[in-house]
Protein backbone atom coordinates (compact mmCIF):
# COMPACT_ATOMS: atom_id res chain seq x y z
CA MET A 1 125.62 97.81 83.03
CA ALA A 2 125.88 95.66 79.96
CA GLU A 3 123.52 92.43 80.05
CA PRO A 4 125.16 89.29 80.61
CA ASP A 5 125.15 86.35 77.98
CA ARG A 6 122.32 84.25 79.94
CA ARG A 7 122.87 81.61 77.27
CA ASN A 8 126.64 81.23 79.10
CA PRO A 9 126.43 78.57 81.98
CA ARG A 10 129.51 80.44 83.75
CA VAL A 11 127.33 83.29 84.08
CA GLU A 12 124.37 81.58 84.96
CA ARG A 13 125.58 79.85 87.32
CA THR A 14 126.94 83.05 88.85
CA ARG A 15 123.63 84.80 88.82
CA ALA A 16 122.57 81.74 90.44
CA ALA A 17 125.05 82.16 93.37
CA LEU A 18 124.20 85.57 93.75
CA VAL A 19 120.78 85.01 94.48
CA ALA A 20 121.32 82.18 96.73
CA ALA A 21 123.63 84.01 98.67
CA GLY A 22 120.93 87.05 98.56
CA ARG A 23 117.86 84.49 99.62
CA ARG A 24 120.27 83.02 102.89
CA LEU A 25 121.36 86.66 103.87
CA PHE A 26 117.87 87.90 103.79
CA SER A 27 116.47 85.35 105.40
CA GLU A 28 118.32 85.80 108.22
CA ARG A 29 118.60 89.72 109.12
CA PRO A 30 117.24 92.87 107.21
CA VAL A 31 117.97 93.72 103.97
CA ASP A 32 119.29 97.08 105.20
CA ALA A 33 121.72 95.10 107.05
CA VAL A 34 123.37 93.30 103.74
CA THR A 35 125.79 94.47 102.17
CA VAL A 36 127.22 94.06 98.84
CA ASP A 37 130.09 93.03 99.94
CA ASP A 38 128.53 90.46 102.27
CA ILE A 39 126.38 89.37 99.37
CA VAL A 40 129.74 88.19 96.97
CA GLN A 41 131.50 86.99 100.11
CA ALA A 42 128.63 84.38 100.84
CA ALA A 43 128.55 83.73 96.61
CA ALA A 44 132.16 83.00 96.52
CA VAL A 45 132.38 85.91 93.39
CA GLY A 46 133.97 88.98 92.68
CA LYS A 47 132.56 92.28 93.53
CA GLY A 48 132.92 93.18 89.74
CA SER A 49 130.35 89.78 89.08
CA PHE A 50 127.69 91.03 91.33
CA TYR A 51 127.27 94.44 88.89
CA ASN A 52 127.49 92.53 85.87
CA HIS A 53 124.24 91.16 86.92
CA PHE A 54 122.74 93.59 89.40
CA PRO A 55 122.75 97.58 88.90
CA ASP A 56 122.70 97.72 93.29
CA ARG A 57 121.11 95.46 96.26
CA GLU A 58 117.97 96.52 95.86
CA ALA A 59 117.86 94.66 92.55
CA LEU A 60 119.03 91.51 93.42
CA VAL A 61 116.19 91.71 96.28
CA ARG A 62 113.57 92.02 93.50
CA ALA A 63 115.30 88.91 91.65
CA VAL A 64 115.06 86.90 95.52
CA SER A 65 111.82 87.81 96.20
CA ALA A 66 109.91 87.45 92.75
CA GLN A 67 111.91 84.03 92.56
CA ILE A 68 110.03 83.21 95.65
CA ARG A 69 106.79 84.32 94.57
CA LEU A 70 106.63 82.93 91.12
CA SER A 71 107.20 79.59 93.00
CA VAL A 72 104.37 79.87 95.27
CA GLU A 73 102.11 81.62 92.23
CA GLY A 74 103.02 78.81 90.11
CA ALA A 75 101.62 76.36 93.44
CA ILE A 76 98.43 78.74 93.69
CA GLY A 77 97.85 78.13 89.86
CA GLU A 78 98.08 74.84 89.90
CA ALA A 79 95.73 74.18 93.65
CA ASN A 80 92.97 76.76 91.72
CA ALA A 81 93.04 75.31 88.38
CA ASP A 82 89.64 73.84 88.92
CA GLU A 83 88.31 76.14 90.81
CA PRO A 84 85.59 78.69 89.63
CA ASP A 85 84.48 80.79 93.38
CA PRO A 86 86.57 83.65 94.20
CA ALA A 87 86.34 82.84 97.54
CA ARG A 88 87.57 79.30 97.72
CA ARG A 89 90.35 80.63 95.04
CA VAL A 90 91.43 83.63 97.71
CA VAL A 91 91.91 81.48 100.42
CA ARG A 92 93.36 78.32 98.79
CA ALA A 93 96.17 80.86 97.66
CA VAL A 94 96.75 81.92 100.92
CA CYS A 95 97.08 78.47 102.47
CA CYS A 96 99.27 77.77 99.55
CA TYR A 97 101.56 80.65 101.24
CA LEU A 98 101.42 79.04 104.75
CA ARG A 99 101.97 75.32 103.75
CA TYR A 100 105.04 76.85 101.82
CA ALA A 101 106.25 78.38 104.76
CA VAL A 102 106.30 75.14 106.91
CA ASP A 103 108.07 73.21 103.60
CA GLU A 104 110.42 76.02 102.90
CA PRO A 105 111.08 78.28 105.74
CA GLU A 106 113.76 80.12 104.80
CA PRO A 107 112.42 81.56 101.75
CA ALA A 108 109.18 82.29 103.81
CA ARG A 109 111.58 84.41 105.69
CA VAL A 110 112.90 86.40 103.21
CA LEU A 111 109.00 87.20 102.11
CA VAL A 112 107.90 88.53 105.86
CA ARG A 113 111.36 90.65 105.10
CA VAL A 114 110.95 91.70 101.81
CA HIS A 115 107.45 93.28 100.44
CA GLY A 116 107.95 96.31 99.49
CA GLY A 117 106.56 96.94 95.82
CA HIS A 118 104.41 93.65 96.44
CA THR A 119 100.94 95.67 96.56
CA SER A 120 100.86 96.65 93.67
CA LEU A 121 97.69 96.41 91.68
CA ASP A 122 99.23 96.48 88.03
CA ALA A 123 102.63 93.98 89.19
CA PRO A 124 102.02 91.11 87.15
CA LEU A 125 102.19 88.53 90.21
CA ASN A 126 99.05 90.09 91.91
CA ARG A 127 96.87 89.74 88.64
CA GLY A 128 95.55 86.70 89.72
CA LEU A 129 94.27 88.42 93.36
CA VAL A 130 93.07 91.52 91.22
CA GLU A 131 90.89 88.99 89.03
CA ASP A 132 89.09 87.07 91.90
CA MET A 133 88.59 90.09 93.43
CA GLU A 134 87.20 91.42 90.59
CA ARG A 135 84.96 88.84 89.91
CA GLY A 136 83.86 88.67 93.61
CA LEU A 137 82.52 91.97 93.39
CA ALA A 138 81.28 91.66 90.50
CA SER A 139 79.04 88.68 91.48
CA GLY A 140 78.34 90.17 94.80
CA ARG A 141 80.17 87.80 96.19
CA PHE A 142 82.26 90.05 97.66
CA ALA A 143 81.25 93.33 100.01
CA VAL A 144 84.46 95.32 99.89
CA PRO A 145 84.97 99.33 99.02
CA THR A 146 87.41 98.73 95.91
CA ILE A 147 88.91 96.36 94.75
CA GLU A 148 92.42 97.35 96.13
CA ALA A 149 91.08 97.02 99.72
CA GLY A 150 90.22 93.51 99.27
CA VAL A 151 93.84 92.84 98.19
CA LEU A 152 95.83 94.77 100.30
CA PHE A 153 93.33 93.09 103.19
CA ALA A 154 94.65 89.51 101.74
CA PHE A 155 97.84 90.79 101.14
CA GLY A 156 97.71 92.06 105.01
CA VAL A 157 96.38 88.62 106.11
CA VAL A 158 99.16 86.41 103.95
CA GLN A 159 102.09 88.79 105.70
CA LEU A 160 101.25 88.14 108.97
CA SER A 161 100.72 85.14 108.96
CA LEU A 162 103.70 84.21 107.62
CA ALA A 163 105.55 86.89 109.97
CA ARG A 164 103.95 84.29 112.48
CA LEU A 165 104.42 80.89 111.21
CA VAL A 166 108.45 81.15 110.06
CA LEU A 167 108.88 81.23 114.04
CA GLU A 168 107.30 78.39 114.62
CA PRO A 169 107.09 76.56 111.25
CA THR A 170 105.17 73.53 112.37
CA PRO A 171 102.24 72.03 110.00
CA SER A 172 100.10 72.20 113.20
CA LEU A 173 100.20 76.04 113.73
CA ALA A 174 100.41 76.19 109.97
CA VAL A 175 96.59 74.10 109.48
CA SER A 176 95.77 76.69 112.98
CA LEU A 177 96.44 79.19 111.44
CA ALA A 178 95.03 79.06 108.34
CA GLN A 179 91.56 78.03 109.87
CA GLN A 180 91.53 81.13 111.58
CA MET A 181 92.82 83.66 109.28
CA CYS A 182 91.56 82.77 106.18
CA ALA A 183 88.07 82.33 107.98
CA LEU A 184 88.25 85.71 108.80
CA LEU A 185 90.08 87.18 105.90
CA LEU A 186 86.22 85.60 104.29
CA ARG A 187 84.21 87.24 107.38
CA GLY A 188 86.29 90.36 105.87
CA LEU A 189 85.11 89.94 102.43
CA GLY A 190 81.40 89.96 103.11
CA LEU A 191 80.54 86.37 103.07
CA PRO A 192 78.50 84.88 105.90
CA PRO A 193 80.10 83.37 108.89
CA ALA A 194 79.11 79.74 109.09
CA GLU A 195 80.11 79.36 105.26
CA ALA A 196 83.41 81.38 105.99
CA ASP A 197 84.23 78.98 108.55
CA LEU A 198 83.37 76.05 106.34
CA ILE A 199 85.75 77.09 103.53
CA ALA A 200 88.55 78.04 105.48
CA ALA A 201 88.30 75.02 107.26
CA GLN A 202 87.97 72.95 103.93
CA ALA A 203 91.14 74.86 102.81
CA SER A 204 92.85 74.32 105.58
CA ASP A 205 92.73 70.67 105.38
CA ASP A 206 92.96 70.02 101.89
CA ILE A 207 96.13 71.92 101.03
CA VAL A 208 98.02 73.16 104.57
CA ARG A 209 97.04 69.75 106.14
CA ARG A 210 96.57 67.29 103.86
CA GLY A 211 99.19 68.91 101.36
CA ALA A 212 97.40 68.87 98.36
CA TYR A 213 99.71 71.32 97.23
CA ALA A 214 101.93 71.78 94.08
CA THR A 215 104.65 69.92 95.06
CA THR A 216 106.23 70.43 92.05
CA HIS A 217 107.26 73.72 93.62
CA THR A 218 108.34 72.93 96.18
CA GLY A 219 112.05 74.05 96.58
CA ALA A 220 112.00 75.84 93.22
CA ALA A 221 113.41 78.73 94.66
CA HIS A 222 116.88 76.90 95.46
């Protein structure tokens, strides 16, 4: 497949239309139920245009997912810019995802449906979480068998919380889920229950309830 000229505005518009169509369709039904024909019809482009940009449907899935996660990870970076404690950083990141689900329910549904490959410790978008786990273990803040176990535990909390929240994307449910699930996550990582509950409550209130969230990133996936 020849690499399209990204400097050409028309080429960029076509790619953006394909990504937007994929995001909408992947939010509505399982990836396996979406065909390339469905995508090009929704994007109002020719089938040949699809293959000018993506070798197959799975490549589009990865592009859509990466775009959404990049938006959320940018918000997490801002939310944690001045926070050195790995425990607080981890749960503030979780809270950013849950707040995102309230603000952006469509791409949040995509994240629930599409998660393959996101668990790799080598994935660039996972670097921040991996580093937080490394710091937490090295400092004795966390007590988990391995960095990978901690990362997978955090992924599980985010994925299951999002799966619940996309069914009812309300601020009140997001606040409740954030507080409860973040407290469980921190307890599981080895923090004392009282401290885990306090940190979870603070993060939930700061990011989910009050929206101290990187609003410049909200909607960036559109």
